[in-house]
Protein backbone atom coordinates (compact mmCIF):
# COMPACT_ATOMS: atom_id res chain seq x y z
CA MET A 1 9.64 -42.60 38.86
CA THR A 2 7.74 -40.18 36.79
CA GLU A 3 10.61 -39.17 34.95
CA CYS A 4 11.19 -42.90 33.71
CA ASN A 5 7.60 -42.87 32.70
CA HIS A 6 8.07 -39.78 30.59
CA ILE A 7 11.19 -41.32 29.01
CA ASN A 8 9.44 -44.53 28.24
CA ALA A 9 6.27 -42.70 27.02
CA GLY A 10 8.87 -40.46 24.51
CA ARG A 11 10.54 -43.78 23.19
CA ARG A 12 6.96 -45.53 22.61
CA GLY A 13 6.07 -42.50 20.43
CA LEU A 14 9.20 -42.45 18.53
CA LEU A 15 8.70 -46.10 17.98
CA ILE A 16 5.16 -45.83 16.57
CA ALA A 17 6.18 -42.97 14.42
CA GLY A 18 8.96 -44.74 12.99
CA ALA A 19 6.79 -47.98 12.38
CA LEU A 20 4.03 -46.01 10.59
CA SER A 21 6.60 -43.93 8.33
CA ALA A 22 7.89 -47.60 7.25
CA THR A 23 4.56 -48.83 6.54
CA ALA A 24 3.90 -45.86 4.27
CA VAL A 25 6.74 -46.57 2.38
CA ALA A 26 6.52 -50.31 2.17
CA VAL A 27 2.77 -50.48 1.24
CA PRO A 28 1.71 -48.70 -1.76
CA GLY A 29 -1.58 -47.95 -0.99
CA VAL A 30 -0.75 -46.18 2.43
CA ALA A 31 2.00 -44.25 0.41
CA GLU A 32 -0.59 -43.03 -2.03
CA ALA A 33 -3.12 -42.16 0.65
CA VAL A 34 -0.63 -39.96 2.47
CA ASN A 35 0.48 -38.41 -0.84
CA VAL A 36 -3.19 -37.67 -1.32
CA ALA A 37 -3.98 -36.15 1.84
CA SER A 38 -0.71 -33.97 1.70
CA GLN A 39 -1.95 -32.76 -1.70
CA ALA A 40 -5.35 -31.70 -0.37
CA SER A 41 -3.65 -29.68 2.49
CA LEU A 42 -1.88 -27.50 -0.18
CA SER A 43 -3.35 -23.85 -1.15
CA PRO A 44 -5.55 -23.88 -4.20
CA PRO A 45 -4.09 -22.07 -7.24
CA PRO A 46 -4.72 -18.28 -7.25
CA VAL A 47 -7.65 -17.05 -9.20
CA LEU A 48 -6.68 -14.66 -12.01
CA MET A 49 -8.73 -11.86 -13.38
CA ASN A 50 -8.17 -9.41 -16.25
CA VAL A 51 -8.30 -5.92 -15.36
CA GLY A 52 -7.83 -2.48 -17.20
CA LEU A 53 -6.37 0.44 -15.56
CA GLU A 54 -5.32 3.83 -16.80
CA VAL A 55 -2.21 4.81 -15.36
CA ASN A 56 -0.73 8.29 -15.78
CA GLY A 57 -2.47 8.64 -18.92
CA ARG A 58 -1.57 5.16 -20.26
CA ARG A 59 -3.84 2.23 -20.62
CA HIS A 60 -2.84 -1.14 -19.31
CA ARG A 61 -4.43 -4.51 -19.24
CA LEU A 62 -3.17 -7.06 -16.69
CA GLU A 63 -3.89 -10.46 -15.42
CA LEU A 64 -3.54 -10.36 -11.84
CA ASP A 65 -4.28 -12.58 -8.99
CA THR A 66 -7.37 -11.30 -7.35
CA ARG A 67 -5.71 -11.02 -4.06
CA THR A 68 -3.27 -8.60 -5.47
CA THR A 69 -3.40 -4.79 -4.14
CA LEU A 70 -3.27 -1.66 -6.12
CA LEU A 71 0.19 -0.88 -4.70
CA ASP A 72 1.75 -4.18 -5.78
CA ALA A 73 0.22 -4.28 -9.31
CA LEU A 74 1.75 -0.75 -9.63
CA ARG A 75 5.18 -1.66 -8.44
CA GLU A 76 5.42 -5.14 -9.15
CA GLN A 77 3.42 -5.35 -12.64
CA LEU A 78 3.87 -1.95 -14.01
CA HIS A 79 7.21 -1.18 -12.17
CA LEU A 80 6.20 2.27 -10.97
CA THR A 81 8.48 1.83 -7.97
CA GLY A 82 7.82 5.70 -6.83
CA THR A 83 4.88 4.80 -5.02
CA LYS A 84 6.27 3.12 -1.57
CA LYS A 85 5.53 0.24 0.57
CA GLY A 86 5.65 1.52 3.92
CA CYS A 87 3.50 -0.21 6.75
CA ASP A 88 1.54 -2.12 4.30
CA HIS A 89 -1.53 -1.53 6.76
CA GLY A 90 -2.75 1.96 5.58
CA GLN A 91 -1.38 3.88 8.56
CA CYS A 92 1.75 5.72 7.06
CA GLY A 93 0.62 7.06 3.72
CA ALA A 94 3.72 6.36 1.84
CA CYS A 95 1.63 4.60 -0.75
CA THR A 96 -0.81 7.33 -1.59
CA VAL A 97 -1.83 7.77 -4.98
CA MET A 98 -4.84 9.40 -6.63
CA LEU A 99 -7.66 7.38 -8.03
CA ASP A 100 -10.10 9.24 -10.34
CA GLY A 101 -8.85 12.48 -8.65
CA GLN A 102 -8.95 11.40 -5.07
CA ARG A 103 -6.09 10.23 -2.92
CA ILE A 104 -6.35 6.60 -1.83
CA ASN A 105 -3.85 4.23 0.05
CA ALA A 106 -2.81 1.93 -2.65
CA CYS A 107 -2.00 -0.80 0.02
CA LEU A 108 -5.74 -0.99 0.93
CA THR A 109 -7.53 -1.92 -2.00
CA LEU A 110 -7.46 -4.55 -4.56
CA ALA A 111 -6.38 -3.82 -8.08
CA VAL A 112 -9.46 -5.67 -9.54
CA MET A 113 -11.67 -3.33 -7.90
CA HIS A 114 -10.83 -0.53 -10.24
CA GLU A 115 -11.57 -1.67 -13.74
CA GLY A 116 -11.43 1.47 -15.86
CA ALA A 117 -10.12 3.78 -13.27
CA ARG A 118 -7.65 6.58 -13.86
CA ILE A 119 -4.63 6.57 -11.49
CA THR A 120 -2.03 8.99 -11.01
CA THR A 121 1.18 8.31 -9.22
CA ILE A 122 4.27 10.21 -8.58
CA GLU A 123 5.59 9.52 -11.82
CA GLY A 124 2.58 10.95 -13.58
CA LEU A 125 2.66 14.32 -11.80
CA GLY A 126 5.87 15.66 -13.23
CA THR A 127 9.19 14.90 -14.93
CA PRO A 128 12.78 15.76 -14.01
CA ASP A 129 12.57 18.36 -16.81
CA LYS A 130 9.44 19.37 -16.15
CA LEU A 131 8.41 19.39 -12.43
CA HIS A 132 4.94 19.47 -10.83
CA PRO A 133 4.62 22.62 -8.83
CA MET A 134 4.21 20.79 -5.82
CA GLN A 135 7.27 18.68 -6.38
CA ALA A 136 9.28 21.96 -7.24
CA ALA A 137 8.05 23.38 -3.86
CA PHE A 138 9.02 20.30 -1.80
CA ILE A 139 12.52 20.86 -3.14
CA ALA A 140 12.45 24.64 -2.44
CA HIS A 141 11.43 24.26 1.01
CA ASP A 142 13.51 21.00 1.64
CA GLY A 143 10.04 19.35 2.44
CA TYR A 144 11.94 15.90 2.71
CA GLN A 145 15.07 14.10 4.28
CA CYS A 146 15.51 10.69 3.64
CA GLY A 147 12.77 11.04 0.78
CA TYR A 148 11.11 7.77 1.25
CA CYS A 149 7.73 9.03 2.06
CA THR A 150 7.86 12.16 -0.17
CA PRO A 151 6.06 10.61 -3.27
CA GLY A 152 3.01 9.73 -0.87
CA GLN A 153 3.20 13.28 0.63
CA ILE A 154 3.37 14.94 -2.74
CA CYS A 155 0.53 13.03 -4.15
CA SER A 156 -1.60 13.54 -0.71
CA ALA A 157 -0.77 17.19 -0.94
CA VAL A 158 -2.21 17.73 -4.46
CA ALA A 159 -5.18 16.06 -3.78
CA ALA A 160 -5.55 17.92 -0.29
CA LEU A 161 -5.49 21.26 -2.39
CA GLY A 162 -7.94 19.89 -4.85
CA GLU A 163 -10.52 18.82 -1.68
CA ILE A 164 -10.23 22.46 -0.73
CA ARG A 165 -10.77 23.90 -4.02
CA GLN A 166 -14.09 21.62 -4.16
CA GLY A 167 -15.14 23.21 -0.75
CA ILE A 168 -15.03 19.84 1.21
CA PRO A 169 -14.57 20.60 4.79
CA SER A 170 -12.12 18.55 7.04
CA HIS A 171 -12.36 17.77 10.87
CA VAL A 172 -10.95 21.47 11.59
CA SER A 173 -12.93 23.36 9.39
CA VAL A 174 -14.84 25.86 11.83
CA ASP A 175 -17.78 26.80 9.36
CA LEU A 176 -19.04 23.62 7.24
CA ASN A 177 -21.12 26.07 5.00
CA ALA A 178 -17.98 28.25 4.15
CA PRO A 179 -15.63 27.62 1.84
CA PRO A 180 -12.52 26.00 3.42
CA GLN A 181 -9.12 28.10 3.36
CA ALA A 182 -5.68 26.27 3.07
CA THR A 183 -4.52 27.46 6.46
CA PRO A 184 -1.76 25.84 8.22
CA GLU A 185 -4.26 24.32 10.51
CA GLU A 186 -6.27 22.89 7.52
CA LEU A 187 -3.39 21.67 5.81
CA ARG A 188 -1.91 20.01 9.03
CA GLU A 189 -5.33 17.94 9.36
CA ARG A 190 -5.52 17.07 5.89
CA MET A 191 -2.04 15.67 5.67
CA SER A 192 -2.21 13.74 9.24
CA GLY A 193 -2.41 10.65 7.12
CA ASN A 194 0.93 10.84 5.76
CA ILE A 195 3.67 10.11 8.42
CA CYS A 196 7.37 11.78 7.95
CA ARG A 197 9.42 9.73 10.35
CA CYS A 198 12.35 12.27 9.51
CA GLY A 199 10.05 15.07 11.00
CA ALA A 200 10.00 17.67 8.21
CA TYR A 201 6.34 18.50 8.78
CA SER A 202 6.76 22.34 8.98
CA ASN A 203 8.69 22.37 5.65
CA ILE A 204 5.99 20.29 3.97
CA ILE A 205 3.47 22.74 5.30
CA GLU A 206 5.30 25.53 3.97
CA ALA A 207 5.72 23.80 0.65
CA ILE A 208 1.99 23.24 0.22
CA SER A 209 1.15 26.57 1.47
CA GLU A 210 3.24 27.98 -1.24
CA VAL A 211 1.27 26.07 -3.88
CA ALA A 212 -1.90 27.35 -2.41
CA GLY A 213 -0.67 30.82 -2.67
CA ARG A 214 -1.05 31.59 1.02
CA PRO A 215 1.61 32.44 3.71
CA ALA A 216 2.51 29.13 6.01
């Protein structure tokens, strides 16, 4: 008996839905109301903003959706695809670039927040004919395998050595009042935000240590 009631209820619902659809088509006022309701449910158009960025020494003026991340602006608007999209949640470091000299996860910040900022991507560090010392060291020490994380690793490594030169301590710095040293422990801590799924960590530390002028 319960099953019969369920079937009848299902049939009634189907008939009612069909009748409403037919009414909406037949009666112009109803059809128009349905159309207006459908339009109202659509997402509003994006808000665009003009933003100026200096990327790898070149000035760019872009009109961007205010929701565009710096990562997407670099890759999709400026076609600088060396900066990689990995997790898109700030957890892997593949999108690391340098913004006004400091490293940043480009996937976690909006492009419109950085009007006039100076941004350096992997393309701005060196060229195939004139490699940055860190790029050359990564090659010499096989600091990569698949290479997907390598642009972020190199940008992060360059910035990490800059932090050490500025005397900025890390979580593993023993004496916060003494200048930090580019020891393997310091480098591992400072590079911990950059994941290498191929596991080339020891070679990466060797490459950074060479550029820092210290044994790994």
